[in-house]
């Protein structure tokens, strides 16, 4: 039995992309999993095809912006005996093609912030009593949070807000490790949506960002902002 065999992680947006790649690796390492995603069919398929063959996994389809869904995730964490890790990975891009800020529909921007900023904080609050001492919280951000890419004002500013929430959560909760993590460009459906009609086959697969996340979940790095593919393993 390896060192991770009794650990439990809650990962949002785990039906594909980075969330599924991380869930797969943690399952291989013996972690128990609680996973969610908006698409019930895709989530159940991922669990049946891969995750359930490797570990105990609880799949709860739903939208992280929904309070009842967050309560169900918190209940699952309680039944599992608490969480060693919470990974707020679920997010939305917003409109594609991406509008400039002068033309950005404010009701849509509000939805982007609700999913990308408020929901991760709300879920963290919902599971606060289930976080074990020293638990890790990973909030997935983006380089669009710091770089002024034209057309990325909605998504990028939401990720900037999430990064600052992470910084403050880490300062306010020294007993936890809170990480804002930029996974880098990846060959995912969201990235394809950001560049409709373009060939993104040169982007790395999400699996290339997973080792850095594993280092944060199992190592001893302090709370802060990290680039996943630049992290030196500390296991």
Protein backbone atom coordinates (compact mmCIF):
# COMPACT_ATOMS: atom_id res chain seq x y z
CA UNK A 1 0.00 0.00 0.00
CA UNK A 2 1.50 3.36 -0.97
CA UNK A 3 1.44 6.58 1.08
CA UNK A 4 -1.62 7.93 -0.74
CA UNK A 5 -3.86 4.91 -0.19
CA UNK A 6 -6.04 6.45 2.54
CA UNK A 7 -6.33 9.93 1.06
CA UNK A 8 -9.46 11.47 -0.40
CA UNK A 9 -9.72 14.20 -3.02
CA UNK A 10 -12.72 16.13 -4.33
CA UNK A 11 -12.19 17.23 -7.94
CA UNK A 12 -14.68 19.37 -9.85
CA UNK A 13 -14.93 19.26 -13.62
CA UNK A 14 -13.54 15.73 -13.69
CA UNK A 15 -15.25 14.28 -16.76
CA UNK A 16 -12.52 15.32 -19.19
CA UNK A 17 -9.39 17.42 -19.66
CA UNK A 18 -7.20 18.32 -16.70
CA UNK A 19 -9.76 17.20 -14.13
CA UNK A 20 -9.96 13.69 -15.55
CA UNK A 21 -6.20 13.46 -16.07
CA UNK A 22 -5.60 14.37 -12.42
CA UNK A 23 -8.34 12.05 -11.18
CA UNK A 24 -6.84 9.20 -13.18
CA UNK A 25 -3.37 9.71 -11.67
CA UNK A 26 -4.69 10.02 -8.12
CA UNK A 27 -6.77 6.88 -8.62
CA UNK A 28 -3.66 5.05 -9.80
CA UNK A 29 -1.89 6.22 -6.64
CA UNK A 30 -4.67 4.87 -4.42
CA UNK A 31 -6.57 8.03 -3.55
CA UNK A 32 -10.31 7.77 -3.00
CA UNK A 33 -12.20 10.24 -5.17
CA UNK A 34 -15.29 12.40 -5.17
CA UNK A 35 -15.81 13.84 -8.64
CA UNK A 36 -18.33 16.07 -10.32
CA UNK A 37 -19.10 17.57 -13.72
CA UNK A 38 -22.03 19.25 -15.43
CA UNK A 39 -22.39 16.45 -17.98
CA UNK A 40 -23.82 13.38 -16.26
CA UNK A 41 -23.24 11.07 -19.23
CA UNK A 42 -19.59 12.08 -19.68
CA UNK A 43 -18.91 11.86 -15.94
CA UNK A 44 -20.45 8.43 -15.56
CA UNK A 45 -18.61 7.21 -18.64
CA UNK A 46 -15.26 8.37 -17.22
CA UNK A 47 -15.99 6.68 -13.92
CA UNK A 48 -17.11 3.40 -15.48
CA UNK A 49 -14.35 3.24 -18.07
CA UNK A 50 -11.42 4.21 -15.87
CA UNK A 51 -11.72 5.51 -12.35
CA UNK A 52 -13.92 2.87 -10.74
CA UNK A 53 -11.49 0.18 -11.94
CA UNK A 54 -8.75 1.80 -9.87
CA UNK A 55 -10.27 3.12 -6.65
CA UNK A 56 -13.40 3.94 -4.69
CA UNK A 57 -15.07 6.83 -6.47
CA UNK A 58 -18.24 8.80 -5.82
CA UNK A 59 -19.56 10.61 -8.89
CA UNK A 60 -22.07 13.41 -8.36
CA UNK A 61 -23.12 15.15 -11.57
CA UNK A 62 -24.24 18.72 -11.22
CA UNK A 63 -23.37 22.40 -11.46
CA UNK A 64 -21.02 23.88 -8.87
CA UNK A 65 -23.01 27.11 -8.92
CA UNK A 66 -25.96 25.22 -7.43
CA UNK A 67 -26.13 25.26 -3.63
CA UNK A 68 -27.89 21.91 -3.41
CA UNK A 69 -25.20 20.31 -5.54
CA UNK A 70 -22.45 21.77 -3.34
CA UNK A 71 -24.27 20.41 -0.31
CA UNK A 72 -24.28 16.95 -1.89
CA UNK A 73 -20.54 17.18 -2.47
CA UNK A 74 -20.01 18.24 1.15
CA UNK A 75 -22.14 15.33 2.36
CA UNK A 76 -20.05 12.93 0.28
CA UNK A 77 -16.87 14.40 1.77
CA UNK A 78 -18.26 13.87 5.26
CA UNK A 79 -19.21 10.28 4.49
CA UNK A 80 -15.68 9.69 3.18
CA UNK A 81 -14.19 10.79 6.49
CA UNK A 82 -12.98 14.18 5.29
CA UNK A 83 -10.86 15.61 2.51
CA UNK A 84 -7.12 15.69 2.02
CA UNK A 85 -7.54 17.74 -1.15
CA UNK A 86 -10.06 19.97 -2.86
CA UNK A 87 -9.38 20.77 -6.52
CA UNK A 88 -11.55 23.56 -7.92
CA UNK A 89 -11.04 22.79 -11.59
CA UNK A 90 -14.51 23.37 -13.09
CA UNK A 91 -14.77 26.59 -15.07
CA UNK A 92 -16.25 28.11 -18.21
CA UNK A 93 -14.63 30.13 -20.99
CA UNK A 94 -17.53 32.41 -21.78
CA UNK A 95 -18.50 33.45 -25.32
CA UNK A 96 -16.60 32.16 -28.33
CA UNK A 97 -15.49 34.00 -30.40
CA UNK A 98 -14.28 36.01 -27.42
CA UNK A 99 -15.68 39.56 -27.27
CA UNK A 100 -13.60 42.56 -26.27
CA UNK A 101 -14.55 44.10 -22.95
CA UNK A 102 -16.26 47.09 -24.55
CA UNK A 103 -18.70 44.63 -26.15
CA UNK A 104 -18.86 41.98 -23.42
CA UNK A 105 -22.45 41.16 -22.41
CA UNK A 106 -22.57 41.89 -18.69
CA UNK A 107 -25.09 39.16 -17.92
CA UNK A 108 -22.72 36.64 -19.51
CA UNK A 109 -19.77 38.08 -17.60
CA UNK A 110 -21.76 37.65 -14.42
CA UNK A 111 -22.22 33.97 -15.25
CA UNK A 112 -18.49 33.55 -15.90
CA UNK A 113 -17.71 35.06 -12.50
CA UNK A 114 -20.37 32.93 -10.82
CA UNK A 115 -18.76 29.74 -12.15
CA UNK A 116 -15.08 30.68 -12.06
CA UNK A 117 -14.89 32.75 -8.87
CA UNK A 118 -17.92 32.46 -6.61
CA UNK A 119 -18.49 28.71 -7.00
CA UNK A 120 -14.94 27.69 -5.95
CA UNK A 121 -15.21 29.89 -2.86
CA UNK A 122 -18.71 28.64 -2.10
CA UNK A 123 -17.60 25.00 -2.38
CA UNK A 124 -14.59 25.69 -0.17
CA UNK A 125 -16.94 27.18 2.43
CA UNK A 126 -19.29 24.21 2.08
CA UNK A 127 -16.56 21.65 2.83
CA UNK A 128 -14.62 23.69 5.36
CA UNK A 129 -15.51 21.34 8.22
CA UNK A 130 -14.44 18.33 6.15
CA UNK A 131 -10.93 19.61 5.36
CA UNK A 132 -8.37 17.63 7.31
CA UNK A 133 -5.45 19.43 8.98
CA UNK A 134 -2.91 20.23 6.28
CA UNK A 135 -5.43 19.68 3.48
CA UNK A 136 -4.53 21.07 0.07
CA UNK A 137 -6.80 23.35 -1.93
CA UNK A 138 -5.92 23.81 -5.60
CA UNK A 139 -7.69 26.53 -7.54
CA UNK A 140 -6.95 26.19 -11.25
CA UNK A 141 -6.13 29.56 -12.80
CA UNK A 142 -4.52 30.67 -16.08
CA UNK A 143 -1.80 32.89 -17.47
CA UNK A 144 -4.72 34.94 -18.84
CA UNK A 145 -5.11 36.09 -15.22
CA UNK A 146 -1.89 38.09 -15.46
CA UNK A 147 -1.27 38.71 -19.17
CA UNK A 148 -3.35 41.31 -21.07
CA UNK A 149 -4.44 39.09 -23.94
CA UNK A 150 -6.96 40.82 -26.18
CA UNK A 151 -10.32 39.10 -26.03
CA UNK A 152 -9.58 37.37 -22.74
CA UNK A 153 -10.99 40.05 -20.42
CA UNK A 154 -13.88 38.00 -19.11
CA UNK A 155 -12.18 34.67 -18.49
CA UNK A 156 -8.85 36.23 -17.56
CA UNK A 157 -10.23 38.66 -15.02
CA UNK A 158 -12.28 35.89 -13.42
CA UNK A 159 -9.14 33.81 -13.02
CA UNK A 160 -7.29 36.82 -11.62
CA UNK A 161 -10.01 37.16 -9.00
CA UNK A 162 -9.74 33.45 -8.20
CA UNK A 163 -5.98 33.75 -7.80
CA UNK A 164 -6.34 36.61 -5.33
CA UNK A 165 -9.01 34.72 -3.40
CA UNK A 166 -6.51 31.86 -3.18
CA UNK A 167 -3.79 34.18 -1.87
CA UNK A 168 -6.04 35.52 0.86
CA UNK A 169 -7.44 32.11 1.79
CA UNK A 170 -3.88 30.89 2.25
CA UNK A 171 -3.01 33.85 4.46
CA UNK A 172 -6.16 33.46 6.54
CA UNK A 173 -5.84 29.67 6.92
CA UNK A 174 -2.20 28.81 7.65
CA UNK A 175 -3.20 25.30 8.71
CA UNK A 176 -4.08 24.58 5.07
CA UNK A 177 -2.10 24.79 1.82
CA UNK A 178 -3.92 26.91 -0.74
CA UNK A 179 -2.55 26.98 -4.28
CA UNK A 180 -3.49 29.02 -7.33
CA UNK A 181 -2.13 26.93 -10.20
CA UNK A 182 -1.68 27.84 -13.85
CA UNK A 183 -1.66 24.54 -15.78
CA UNK A 184 -0.41 26.20 -18.98
CA UNK A 185 -1.80 25.81 -22.48
CA UNK A 186 -3.39 22.41 -22.96
CA UNK A 187 -5.06 20.43 -25.71
CA UNK A 188 -8.55 20.49 -24.23
CA UNK A 189 -12.10 21.15 -25.39
CA UNK A 190 -12.13 24.52 -23.66
CA UNK A 191 -8.92 25.57 -25.39
CA UNK A 192 -10.40 24.48 -28.71
CA UNK A 193 -13.49 26.57 -27.96
CA UNK A 194 -11.21 29.54 -27.36
CA UNK A 195 -9.70 29.11 -30.82
CA UNK A 196 -12.57 27.88 -33.01
CA UNK A 197 -11.47 26.40 -36.28
CA UNK A 198 -7.77 26.50 -35.37
CA UNK A 199 -5.42 23.53 -35.08
CA UNK A 200 -4.37 23.20 -31.43
CA UNK A 201 -2.64 19.83 -31.83
CA UNK A 202 0.68 21.46 -30.88
CA UNK A 203 -0.55 22.16 -27.33
CA UNK A 204 0.53 19.72 -24.61
CA UNK A 205 -1.97 17.19 -23.34
CA UNK A 206 -3.38 17.84 -19.85
CA UNK A 207 -1.37 14.89 -18.54
CA UNK A 208 1.79 16.99 -18.85
CA UNK A 209 0.50 19.37 -16.17
CA UNK A 210 -0.48 16.63 -13.73
CA UNK A 211 2.97 15.94 -12.17
CA UNK A 212 3.14 19.51 -10.90
CA UNK A 213 -0.29 19.19 -9.32
CA UNK A 214 0.73 15.92 -7.70
CA UNK A 215 3.80 17.65 -6.24
CA UNK A 216 1.56 20.25 -4.65
CA UNK A 217 -0.84 17.65 -3.29
CA UNK A 218 1.86 15.44 -1.79
CA UNK A 219 4.81 17.76 -1.19
CA UNK A 220 5.47 20.56 1.27
CA UNK A 221 5.40 23.71 -0.84
CA UNK A 222 3.89 26.78 0.85
CA UNK A 223 0.62 28.34 -0.19
CA UNK A 224 0.97 30.55 -3.24
CA UNK A 225 0.80 30.81 -7.01
CA UNK A 226 2.51 28.17 -9.17
CA UNK A 227 2.89 27.17 -12.80
CA UNK A 228 2.17 23.46 -12.92
CA UNK A 229 4.78 22.52 -15.48
CA UNK A 230 7.50 24.56 -13.74
CA UNK A 231 7.18 22.85 -10.36
CA UNK A 232 10.11 20.71 -9.27
CA UNK A 233 8.82 17.56 -7.61
CA UNK A 234 9.26 17.59 -3.85
CA UNK A 235 7.85 14.19 -3.06
